[in-house]
Amino acid sequence: MKMIVAPLLKIFFRPWVEGMDNIPEEGPAILASNHLSFSDSFFLPALMRRRVTFIAKSEYFTGTGIKGKLTAAFFRGVGQLPVDRSGVRGAGEAAIRSGIEVIERGELFGVYPEGTRSPDGKLYRGKVGGLARIALATGAPVIPVAMINTDKLQPPGQVKPNFGIRPGIRIGAPMDFSRYHGMESDRFILRSVTDEVMYEIMRLSGQEYVDIYATAAKRRLQDAGKQAKKQAKKQGDAQGDDDQ
């Protein structure tokens, strides 16, 4: 990853990074990033000096065909941890346990608090759970990260990247939540920690913040698209009747 993928990304896309000094040279930390594009999973770990371990859905490791095998090889090669999301609660607990293990090894653990990619480039409400619980259980600092322009480089659903788009990474100062240590079972505290991190990500990224979950936003967009298709079909049918 560091020797092959990173140099290629630098040559073809010329990514920029601000705030690299905020990443500790050693010791554990949690990188909390916005999530604009599939390419975030390439640029963020490739451009960090240290290895960053993310949780990845198990489907990335079980694909078939050339594309599936290459995807699985990539995620294994960069040390990502597969989590089966078929059982939502079980998946969440498994992700938290895995994150705590990474932190206890003194490594960097990466998390996307929104839980999924933004459907429209806006920043959505962070999910209570993984990020805050791992931070409070381990005492590790949380480092807010903003991915810039990766949604323009590779929009959701697009496989081939758009050349000519220069992506960036903006890294904020570490956030200390040690004042809440031992309170990881308090949902109000978890919400407060998550919102504080999301505010910093918003400040770094310059994104418009929407106080709903990204999954809900995706459903709304899908429903709107279906409704538009139905309306277009009705208008087409009506036009056809008029022509007759």
C-alpha atoms as a PDB file:
ATOM      1  CA  MET A   1       0.000   0.000   0.000  1.00  0.00           C
ATOM      2  CA  LYS A   2       2.650   2.499   1.066  1.00  0.00           C
ATOM      3  CA  MET A   3       5.202   1.485  -1.560  1.00  0.00           C
ATOM      4  CA  ILE A   4       2.965   1.060  -4.610  1.00  0.00           C
ATOM      5  CA  VAL A   5      -0.506   2.579  -4.208  1.00  0.00           C
ATOM      6  CA  ALA A   6       0.540   5.782  -2.426  1.00  0.00           C
ATOM      7  CA  PRO A   7       3.111   6.851  -5.074  1.00  0.00           C
ATOM      8  CA  LEU A   8       0.612   6.142  -7.870  1.00  0.00           C
ATOM      9  CA  LEU A   9      -2.075   8.224  -6.147  1.00  0.00           C
ATOM     10  CA  LYS A  10       0.402  11.075  -5.733  1.00  0.00           C
ATOM     11  CA  ILE A  11       1.452  10.927  -9.391  1.00  0.00           C
ATOM     12  CA  PHE A  12      -2.010  10.747 -10.960  1.00  0.00           C
ATOM     13  CA  PHE A  13      -4.095  12.815  -8.522  1.00  0.00           C
ATOM     14  CA  ARG A  14      -1.621  15.077  -6.642  1.00  0.00           C
ATOM     15  CA  PRO A  15      -3.502  14.876  -3.318  1.00  0.00           C
ATOM     16  CA  TRP A  16      -2.681  17.404  -0.623  1.00  0.00           C
ATOM     17  CA  VAL A  17      -2.615  16.925   3.141  1.00  0.00           C
ATOM     18  CA  GLU A  18      -2.898  19.574   5.854  1.00  0.00           C
ATOM     19  CA  GLY A  19      -2.272  18.975   9.540  1.00  0.00           C
ATOM     20  CA  MET A  20      -0.180  15.802   9.280  1.00  0.00           C
ATOM     21  CA  ASP A  21       1.640  16.876  12.453  1.00  0.00           C
ATOM     22  CA  ASN A  22      -1.608  16.219  14.358  1.00  0.00           C
ATOM     23  CA  ILE A  23      -1.107  12.480  13.815  1.00  0.00           C
ATOM     24  CA  PRO A  24       1.076  11.145  16.657  1.00  0.00           C
ATOM     25  CA  GLU A  25       4.252   9.386  15.558  1.00  0.00           C
ATOM     26  CA  GLU A  26       3.478   6.557  17.964  1.00  0.00           C
ATOM     27  CA  GLY A  27       0.756   5.454  20.336  1.00  0.00           C
ATOM     28  CA  PRO A  28      -2.975   4.909  19.816  1.00  0.00           C
ATOM     29  CA  ALA A  29      -5.452   7.354  18.321  1.00  0.00           C
ATOM     30  CA  ILE A  30      -8.836   7.287  16.599  1.00  0.00           C
ATOM     31  CA  LEU A  31      -9.173   8.960  13.204  1.00  0.00           C
ATOM     32  CA  ALA A  32     -12.776  10.097  12.685  1.00  0.00           C
ATOM     33  CA  SER A  33     -13.445  11.070   9.084  1.00  0.00           C
ATOM     34  CA  ASN A  34     -16.307  12.202   6.886  1.00  0.00           C
ATOM     35  CA  HIS A  35     -17.109   9.728   4.109  1.00  0.00           C
ATOM     36  CA  LEU A  36     -17.696  11.103   0.629  1.00  0.00           C
ATOM     37  CA  SER A  37     -16.523   8.353  -1.693  1.00  0.00           C
ATOM     38  CA  PHE A  38     -15.275   4.784  -1.971  1.00  0.00           C
ATOM     39  CA  SER A  39     -11.894   6.306  -2.816  1.00  0.00           C
ATOM     40  CA  ASP A  40     -11.621   7.589   0.789  1.00  0.00           C
ATOM     41  CA  SER A  41     -10.589   4.045   1.681  1.00  0.00           C
ATOM     42  CA  PHE A  42      -7.605   4.435  -0.634  1.00  0.00           C
ATOM     43  CA  PHE A  43      -6.444   7.988  -0.062  1.00  0.00           C
ATOM     44  CA  LEU A  44      -6.728   8.201   3.724  1.00  0.00           C
ATOM     45  CA  PRO A  45      -4.745   5.070   4.710  1.00  0.00           C
ATOM     46  CA  ALA A  46      -2.298   5.448   1.804  1.00  0.00           C
ATOM     47  CA  LEU A  47      -1.278   9.004   2.615  1.00  0.00           C
ATOM     48  CA  MET A  48      -0.835   8.576   6.368  1.00  0.00           C
ATOM     49  CA  ARG A  49       2.700   7.875   7.573  1.00  0.00           C
ATOM     50  CA  ARG A  50       1.387   5.165   9.884  1.00  0.00           C
ATOM     51  CA  ARG A  51      -0.945   2.297   9.150  1.00  0.00           C
ATOM     52  CA  VAL A  52      -4.628   3.003   9.791  1.00  0.00           C
ATOM     53  CA  THR A  53      -6.979   0.103  10.453  1.00  0.00           C
ATOM     54  CA  PHE A  54     -10.620   0.508   9.451  1.00  0.00           C
ATOM     55  CA  ILE A  55     -13.631  -1.716   9.865  1.00  0.00           C
ATOM     56  CA  ALA A  56     -14.858  -2.916   6.469  1.00  0.00           C
ATOM     57  CA  LYS A  57     -18.072  -4.725   5.615  1.00  0.00           C
ATOM     58  CA  SER A  58     -17.496  -8.446   5.058  1.00  0.00           C
ATOM     59  CA  GLU A  59     -18.871  -8.241   1.497  1.00  0.00           C
ATOM     60  CA  TYR A  60     -15.598  -6.601   0.464  1.00  0.00           C
ATOM     61  CA  PHE A  61     -13.767  -9.804   1.396  1.00  0.00           C
ATOM     62  CA  THR A  62     -16.095 -12.336  -0.237  1.00  0.00           C
ATOM     63  CA  GLY A  63     -16.536 -10.970  -3.763  1.00  0.00           C
ATOM     64  CA  THR A  64     -16.179 -13.217  -6.799  1.00  0.00           C
ATOM     65  CA  GLY A  65     -14.580 -12.667 -10.174  1.00  0.00           C
ATOM     66  CA  ILE A  66     -11.531 -10.564 -10.886  1.00  0.00           C
ATOM     67  CA  LYS A  67     -12.964  -7.384  -9.359  1.00  0.00           C
ATOM     68  CA  GLY A  68     -14.092  -9.200  -6.199  1.00  0.00           C
ATOM     69  CA  LYS A  69     -10.742 -10.896  -5.716  1.00  0.00           C
ATOM     70  CA  LEU A  70      -8.816  -7.681  -6.272  1.00  0.00           C
ATOM     71  CA  THR A  71     -11.043  -5.843  -3.796  1.00  0.00           C
ATOM     72  CA  ALA A  72     -10.591  -8.591  -1.183  1.00  0.00           C
ATOM     73  CA  ALA A  73      -6.831  -8.599  -1.719  1.00  0.00           C
ATOM     74  CA  PHE A  74      -6.681  -4.835  -1.305  1.00  0.00           C
ATOM     75  CA  PHE A  75      -8.618  -4.776   1.968  1.00  0.00           C
ATOM     76  CA  ARG A  76      -6.634  -7.680   3.392  1.00  0.00           C
ATOM     77  CA  GLY A  77      -3.390  -6.083   2.266  1.00  0.00           C
ATOM     78  CA  VAL A  78      -4.069  -2.852   4.134  1.00  0.00           C
ATOM     79  CA  GLY A  79      -5.065  -4.725   7.280  1.00  0.00           C
ATOM     80  CA  GLN A  80      -8.755  -3.872   7.297  1.00  0.00           C
ATOM     81  CA  LEU A  81     -11.049  -5.867   9.597  1.00  0.00           C
ATOM     82  CA  PRO A  82     -14.126  -7.582   8.102  1.00  0.00           C
ATOM     83  CA  VAL A  83     -17.397  -7.295  10.021  1.00  0.00           C
ATOM     84  CA  ASP A  84     -20.572  -9.138   9.078  1.00  0.00           C
ATOM     85  CA  ARG A  85     -23.394  -6.569   9.014  1.00  0.00           C
ATOM     86  CA  SER A  86     -26.219  -9.096   8.623  1.00  0.00           C
ATOM     87  CA  GLY A  87     -26.999  -8.736  12.327  1.00  0.00           C
ATOM     88  CA  VAL A  88     -26.961  -4.993  12.989  1.00  0.00           C
ATOM     89  CA  ARG A  89     -26.508  -5.110  16.754  1.00  0.00           C
ATOM     90  CA  GLY A  90     -24.001  -7.950  16.617  1.00  0.00           C
ATOM     91  CA  ALA A  91     -22.055  -6.158  13.898  1.00  0.00           C
ATOM     92  CA  GLY A  92     -21.881  -3.010  16.000  1.00  0.00           C
ATOM     93  CA  GLU A  93     -20.567  -4.865  19.045  1.00  0.00           C
ATOM     94  CA  ALA A  94     -18.018  -6.730  16.916  1.00  0.00           C
ATOM     95  CA  ALA A  95     -16.804  -3.472  15.403  1.00  0.00           C
ATOM     96  CA  ILE A  96     -16.407  -1.892  18.840  1.00  0.00           C
ATOM     97  CA  ARG A  97     -14.463  -4.886  20.180  1.00  0.00           C
ATOM     98  CA  SER A  98     -12.212  -4.842  17.122  1.00  0.00           C
ATOM     99  CA  GLY A  99     -11.606  -1.111  17.492  1.00  0.00           C
ATOM    100  CA  ILE A 100     -10.677  -1.467  21.159  1.00  0.00           C
ATOM    101  CA  GLU A 101      -8.220  -4.244  20.276  1.00  0.00           C
ATOM    102  CA  VAL A 102      -6.556  -2.032  17.663  1.00  0.00           C
ATOM    103  CA  ILE A 103      -6.238   0.823  20.167  1.00  0.00           C
ATOM    104  CA  GLU A 104      -4.876  -1.474  22.867  1.00  0.00           C
ATOM    105  CA  ARG A 105      -2.130  -2.526  20.442  1.00  0.00           C
ATOM    106  CA  GLY A 106      -1.097   1.128  20.265  1.00  0.00           C
ATOM    107  CA  GLU A 107      -2.215   1.577  16.654  1.00  0.00           C
ATOM    108  CA  LEU A 108      -4.390   3.998  14.679  1.00  0.00           C
ATOM    109  CA  PHE A 109      -8.039   3.077  14.256  1.00  0.00           C
ATOM    110  CA  GLY A 110     -10.126   4.771  11.575  1.00  0.00           C
ATOM    111  CA  VAL A 111     -13.882   5.238  11.694  1.00  0.00           C
ATOM    112  CA  TYR A 112     -16.552   6.944   9.596  1.00  0.00           C
ATOM    113  CA  PRO A 113     -19.018   8.273  12.215  1.00  0.00           C
ATOM    114  CA  GLU A 114     -21.777   8.774   9.611  1.00  0.00           C
ATOM    115  CA  GLY A 115     -21.796   5.001   9.122  1.00  0.00           C
ATOM    116  CA  THR A 116     -22.046   5.184   5.337  1.00  0.00           C
ATOM    117  CA  ARG A 117     -21.072   7.401   2.418  1.00  0.00           C
ATOM    118  CA  SER A 118     -22.830  10.734   2.034  1.00  0.00           C
ATOM    119  CA  PRO A 119     -25.317  10.520  -0.842  1.00  0.00           C
ATOM    120  CA  ASP A 120     -24.982  14.173  -1.827  1.00  0.00           C
ATOM    121  CA  GLY A 121     -21.763  15.624  -0.410  1.00  0.00           C
ATOM    122  CA  LYS A 122     -23.380  16.952   2.781  1.00  0.00           C
ATOM    123  CA  LEU A 123     -22.280  15.980   6.275  1.00  0.00           C
ATOM    124  CA  TYR A 124     -24.809  13.926   8.202  1.00  0.00           C
ATOM    125  CA  ARG A 125     -25.412  13.146  11.842  1.00  0.00           C
ATOM    126  CA  GLY A 126     -22.845  10.863  13.453  1.00  0.00           C
ATOM    127  CA  LYS A 127     -24.089   7.550  14.748  1.00  0.00           C
ATOM    128  CA  VAL A 128     -23.887   7.034  18.492  1.00  0.00           C
ATOM    129  CA  GLY A 129     -21.874   3.969  19.390  1.00  0.00           C
ATOM    130  CA  GLY A 130     -18.569   2.929  17.904  1.00  0.00           C
ATOM    131  CA  LEU A 131     -16.577   6.154  17.877  1.00  0.00           C
ATOM    132  CA  ALA A 132     -17.623   7.446  21.295  1.00  0.00           C
ATOM    133  CA  ARG A 133     -17.613   4.090  23.053  1.00  0.00           C
ATOM    134  CA  ILE A 134     -14.128   3.214  21.851  1.00  0.00           C
ATOM    135  CA  ALA A 135     -12.813   6.656  22.779  1.00  0.00           C
ATOM    136  CA  LEU A 136     -14.278   6.547  26.289  1.00  0.00           C
ATOM    137  CA  ALA A 137     -13.351   2.920  26.931  1.00  0.00           C
ATOM    138  CA  THR A 138      -9.707   3.379  25.911  1.00  0.00           C
ATOM    139  CA  GLY A 139      -8.988   7.048  26.582  1.00  0.00           C
ATOM    140  CA  ALA A 140      -7.451   7.369  23.117  1.00  0.00           C
ATOM    141  CA  PRO A 141      -7.550  10.836  21.532  1.00  0.00           C
ATOM    142  CA  VAL A 142      -9.935  11.408  18.627  1.00  0.00           C
ATOM    143  CA  ILE A 143      -8.457  13.135  15.585  1.00  0.00           C
ATOM    144  CA  PRO A 144     -11.070  14.712  13.265  1.00  0.00           C
ATOM    145  CA  VAL A 145     -10.344  14.288   9.556  1.00  0.00           C
ATOM    146  CA  ALA A 146     -11.985  15.922   6.542  1.00  0.00           C
ATOM    147  CA  MET A 147     -11.778  14.337   3.105  1.00  0.00           C
ATOM    148  CA  ILE A 148     -12.001  17.034   0.433  1.00  0.00           C
ATOM    149  CA  ASN A 149     -13.225  16.592  -3.177  1.00  0.00           C
ATOM    150  CA  THR A 150     -13.157  12.787  -3.180  1.00  0.00           C
ATOM    151  CA  ASP A 151     -16.862  12.825  -4.058  1.00  0.00           C
ATOM    152  CA  LYS A 152     -16.025  14.810  -7.183  1.00  0.00           C
ATOM    153  CA  LEU A 153     -13.123  12.510  -8.000  1.00  0.00           C
ATOM    154  CA  GLN A 154     -15.249   9.367  -7.668  1.00  0.00           C
ATOM    155  CA  PRO A 155     -18.972  10.054  -7.184  1.00  0.00           C
ATOM    156  CA  PRO A 156     -21.087   7.354  -5.472  1.00  0.00           C
ATOM    157  CA  GLY A 157     -21.792   4.503  -7.867  1.00  0.00           C
ATOM    158  CA  GLN A 158     -19.024   5.459 -10.287  1.00  0.00           C
ATOM    159  CA  VAL A 159     -16.184   2.980 -10.729  1.00  0.00           C
ATOM    160  CA  LYS A 160     -13.761   4.976 -12.869  1.00  0.00           C
ATOM    161  CA  PRO A 161     -12.305   8.053 -11.145  1.00  0.00           C
ATOM    162  CA  ASN A 162     -12.423  11.494 -12.727  1.00  0.00           C
ATOM    163  CA  PHE A 163      -8.912  12.632 -13.515  1.00  0.00           C
ATOM    164  CA  GLY A 164      -8.179  16.316 -13.094  1.00  0.00           C
ATOM    165  CA  ILE A 165      -9.793  16.483  -9.647  1.00  0.00           C
ATOM    166  CA  ARG A 166      -7.284  17.114  -6.870  1.00  0.00           C
ATOM    167  CA  PRO A 167      -8.452  15.599  -3.561  1.00  0.00           C
ATOM    168  CA  GLY A 168      -7.251  16.625  -0.151  1.00  0.00           C
ATOM    169  CA  ILE A 169      -7.135  15.597   3.489  1.00  0.00           C
ATOM    170  CA  ARG A 170      -7.413  18.128   6.309  1.00  0.00           C
ATOM    171  CA  ILE A 171      -6.491  16.830   9.761  1.00  0.00           C
ATOM    172  CA  GLY A 172      -7.587  18.605  12.915  1.00  0.00           C
ATOM    173  CA  ALA A 173      -6.096  18.757  16.384  1.00  0.00           C
ATOM    174  CA  PRO A 174      -6.560  15.731  18.688  1.00  0.00           C
ATOM    175  CA  MET A 175      -9.644  15.852  20.890  1.00  0.00           C
ATOM    176  CA  ASP A 176      -9.414  14.668  24.489  1.00  0.00           C
ATOM    177  CA  PHE A 177     -12.501  13.076  26.037  1.00  0.00           C
ATOM    178  CA  SER A 178     -10.806  11.683  29.139  1.00  0.00           C
ATOM    179  CA  ARG A 179     -13.227  13.740  31.254  1.00  0.00           C
ATOM    180  CA  TYR A 180     -15.902  11.217  30.306  1.00  0.00           C
ATOM    181  CA  HIS A 181     -13.848   8.098  31.014  1.00  0.00           C
ATOM    182  CA  GLY A 182     -15.958   5.289  32.423  1.00  0.00           C
ATOM    183  CA  MET A 183     -19.199   6.835  31.164  1.00  0.00           C
ATOM    184  CA  GLU A 184     -19.409   4.883  27.916  1.00  0.00           C
ATOM    185  CA  SER A 185     -22.775   3.411  28.942  1.00  0.00           C
ATOM    186  CA  ASP A 186     -24.395   6.860  29.188  1.00  0.00           C
ATOM    187  CA  ARG A 187     -26.147   7.468  25.869  1.00  0.00           C
ATOM    188  CA  PHE A 188     -26.374  11.230  26.457  1.00  0.00           C
ATOM    189  CA  ILE A 189     -22.600  11.401  26.910  1.00  0.00           C
ATOM    190  CA  LEU A 190     -22.063   9.280  23.788  1.00  0.00           C
ATOM    191  CA  ARG A 191     -24.315  11.638  21.827  1.00  0.00           C
ATOM    192  CA  SER A 192     -22.447  14.675  23.140  1.00  0.00           C
ATOM    193  CA  VAL A 193     -19.035  13.231  22.227  1.00  0.00           C
ATOM    194  CA  THR A 194     -20.212  12.227  18.761  1.00  0.00           C
ATOM    195  CA  ASP A 195     -21.747  15.647  18.063  1.00  0.00           C
ATOM    196  CA  GLU A 196     -18.593  17.416  19.224  1.00  0.00           C
ATOM    197  CA  VAL A 197     -16.493  15.370  16.803  1.00  0.00           C
ATOM    198  CA  MET A 198     -18.955  15.940  13.949  1.00  0.00           C
ATOM    199  CA  TYR A 199     -18.796  19.689  14.552  1.00  0.00           C
ATOM    200  CA  GLU A 200     -15.017  19.613  14.139  1.00  0.00           C
ATOM    201  CA  ILE A 201     -15.323  17.570  10.949  1.00  0.00           C
ATOM    202  CA  MET A 202     -17.856  20.096   9.635  1.00  0.00           C
ATOM    203  CA  ARG A 203     -15.512  22.959  10.479  1.00  0.00           C
ATOM    204  CA  LEU A 204     -12.599  21.274   8.704  1.00  0.00           C
ATOM    205  CA  SER A 205     -14.536  20.131   5.648  1.00  0.00           C
ATOM    206  CA  GLY A 206     -16.768  23.156   5.118  1.00  0.00           C
ATOM    207  CA  GLN A 207     -19.680  20.798   4.377  1.00  0.00           C
ATOM    208  CA  GLU A 208     -23.290  21.692   5.003  1.00  0.00           C
ATOM    209  CA  TYR A 209     -24.467  19.785   8.082  1.00  0.00           C
ATOM    210  CA  VAL A 210     -27.800  17.960   8.055  1.00  0.00           C
ATOM    211  CA  ASP A 211     -29.119  16.693  11.399  1.00  0.00           C
ATOM    212  CA  ILE A 212     -30.415  13.347  10.136  1.00  0.00           C
ATOM    213  CA  TYR A 213     -28.617  10.075   9.494  1.00  0.00           C
ATOM    214  CA  ALA A 214     -27.114   9.512   6.050  1.00  0.00           C
ATOM    215  CA  THR A 215     -29.054   6.255   5.715  1.00  0.00           C
ATOM    216  CA  ALA A 216     -32.317   8.185   6.116  1.00  0.00           C
ATOM    217  CA  ALA A 217     -31.157  10.727   3.551  1.00  0.00           C
ATOM    218  CA  LYS A 218     -30.429   7.927   1.090  1.00  0.00           C
ATOM    219  CA  ARG A 219     -33.927   6.520   1.557  1.00  0.00           C
ATOM    220  CA  ARG A 220     -35.450   9.960   0.963  1.00  0.00           C
ATOM    221  CA  LEU A 221     -33.457  10.408  -2.236  1.00  0.00           C
ATOM    222  CA  GLN A 222     -34.425   6.935  -3.443  1.00  0.00           C
ATOM    223  CA  ASP A 223     -38.110   7.577  -2.689  1.00  0.00           C
ATOM    224  CA  ALA A 224     -37.932  10.934  -4.458  1.00  0.00           C
ATOM    225  CA  GLY A 225     -36.347   9.271  -7.476  1.00  0.00           C
ATOM    226  CA  LYS A 226     -39.053   6.623  -7.604  1.00  0.00           C
ATOM    227  CA  GLN A 227     -41.759   9.262  -7.276  1.00  0.00           C
ATOM    228  CA  ALA A 228     -40.205  11.290 -10.099  1.00  0.00           C
ATOM    229  CA  LYS A 229     -40.155   8.223 -12.352  1.00  0.00           C
ATOM    230  CA  LYS A 230     -43.813   7.497 -11.582  1.00  0.00           C
ATOM    231  CA  GLN A 231     -44.736  11.098 -12.303  1.00  0.00           C
ATOM    232  CA  ALA A 232     -42.803  11.059 -15.575  1.00  0.00           C
ATOM    233  CA  LYS A 233     -44.536   7.827 -16.577  1.00  0.00           C
ATOM    234  CA  LYS A 234     -47.957   9.304 -15.814  1.00  0.00           C
ATOM    235  CA  GLN A 235     -47.170  12.387 -17.881  1.00  0.00           C
ATOM    236  CA  GLY A 236     -45.923  10.168 -20.701  1.00  0.00           C
ATOM    237  CA  ASP A 237     -49.089   8.086 -20.620  1.00  0.00           C
ATOM    238  CA  ALA A 238     -51.255  11.221 -20.560  1.00  0.00           C
ATOM    239  CA  GLN A 239     -49.372  12.645 -23.527  1.00  0.00           C
ATOM    240  CA  GLY A 240     -49.884   9.416 -25.373  1.00  0.00           C
ATOM    241  CA  ASP A 241     -53.653   9.546 -24.756  1.00  0.00           C
ATOM    242  CA  ASP A 242     -53.759  13.161 -26.002  1.00  0.00           C
ATOM    243  CA  ASP A 243     -51.907  12.226 -29.164  1.00  0.00           C
ATOM    244  CA  GLN A 244     -54.454   9.511 -29.857  1.00  0.00           C
END
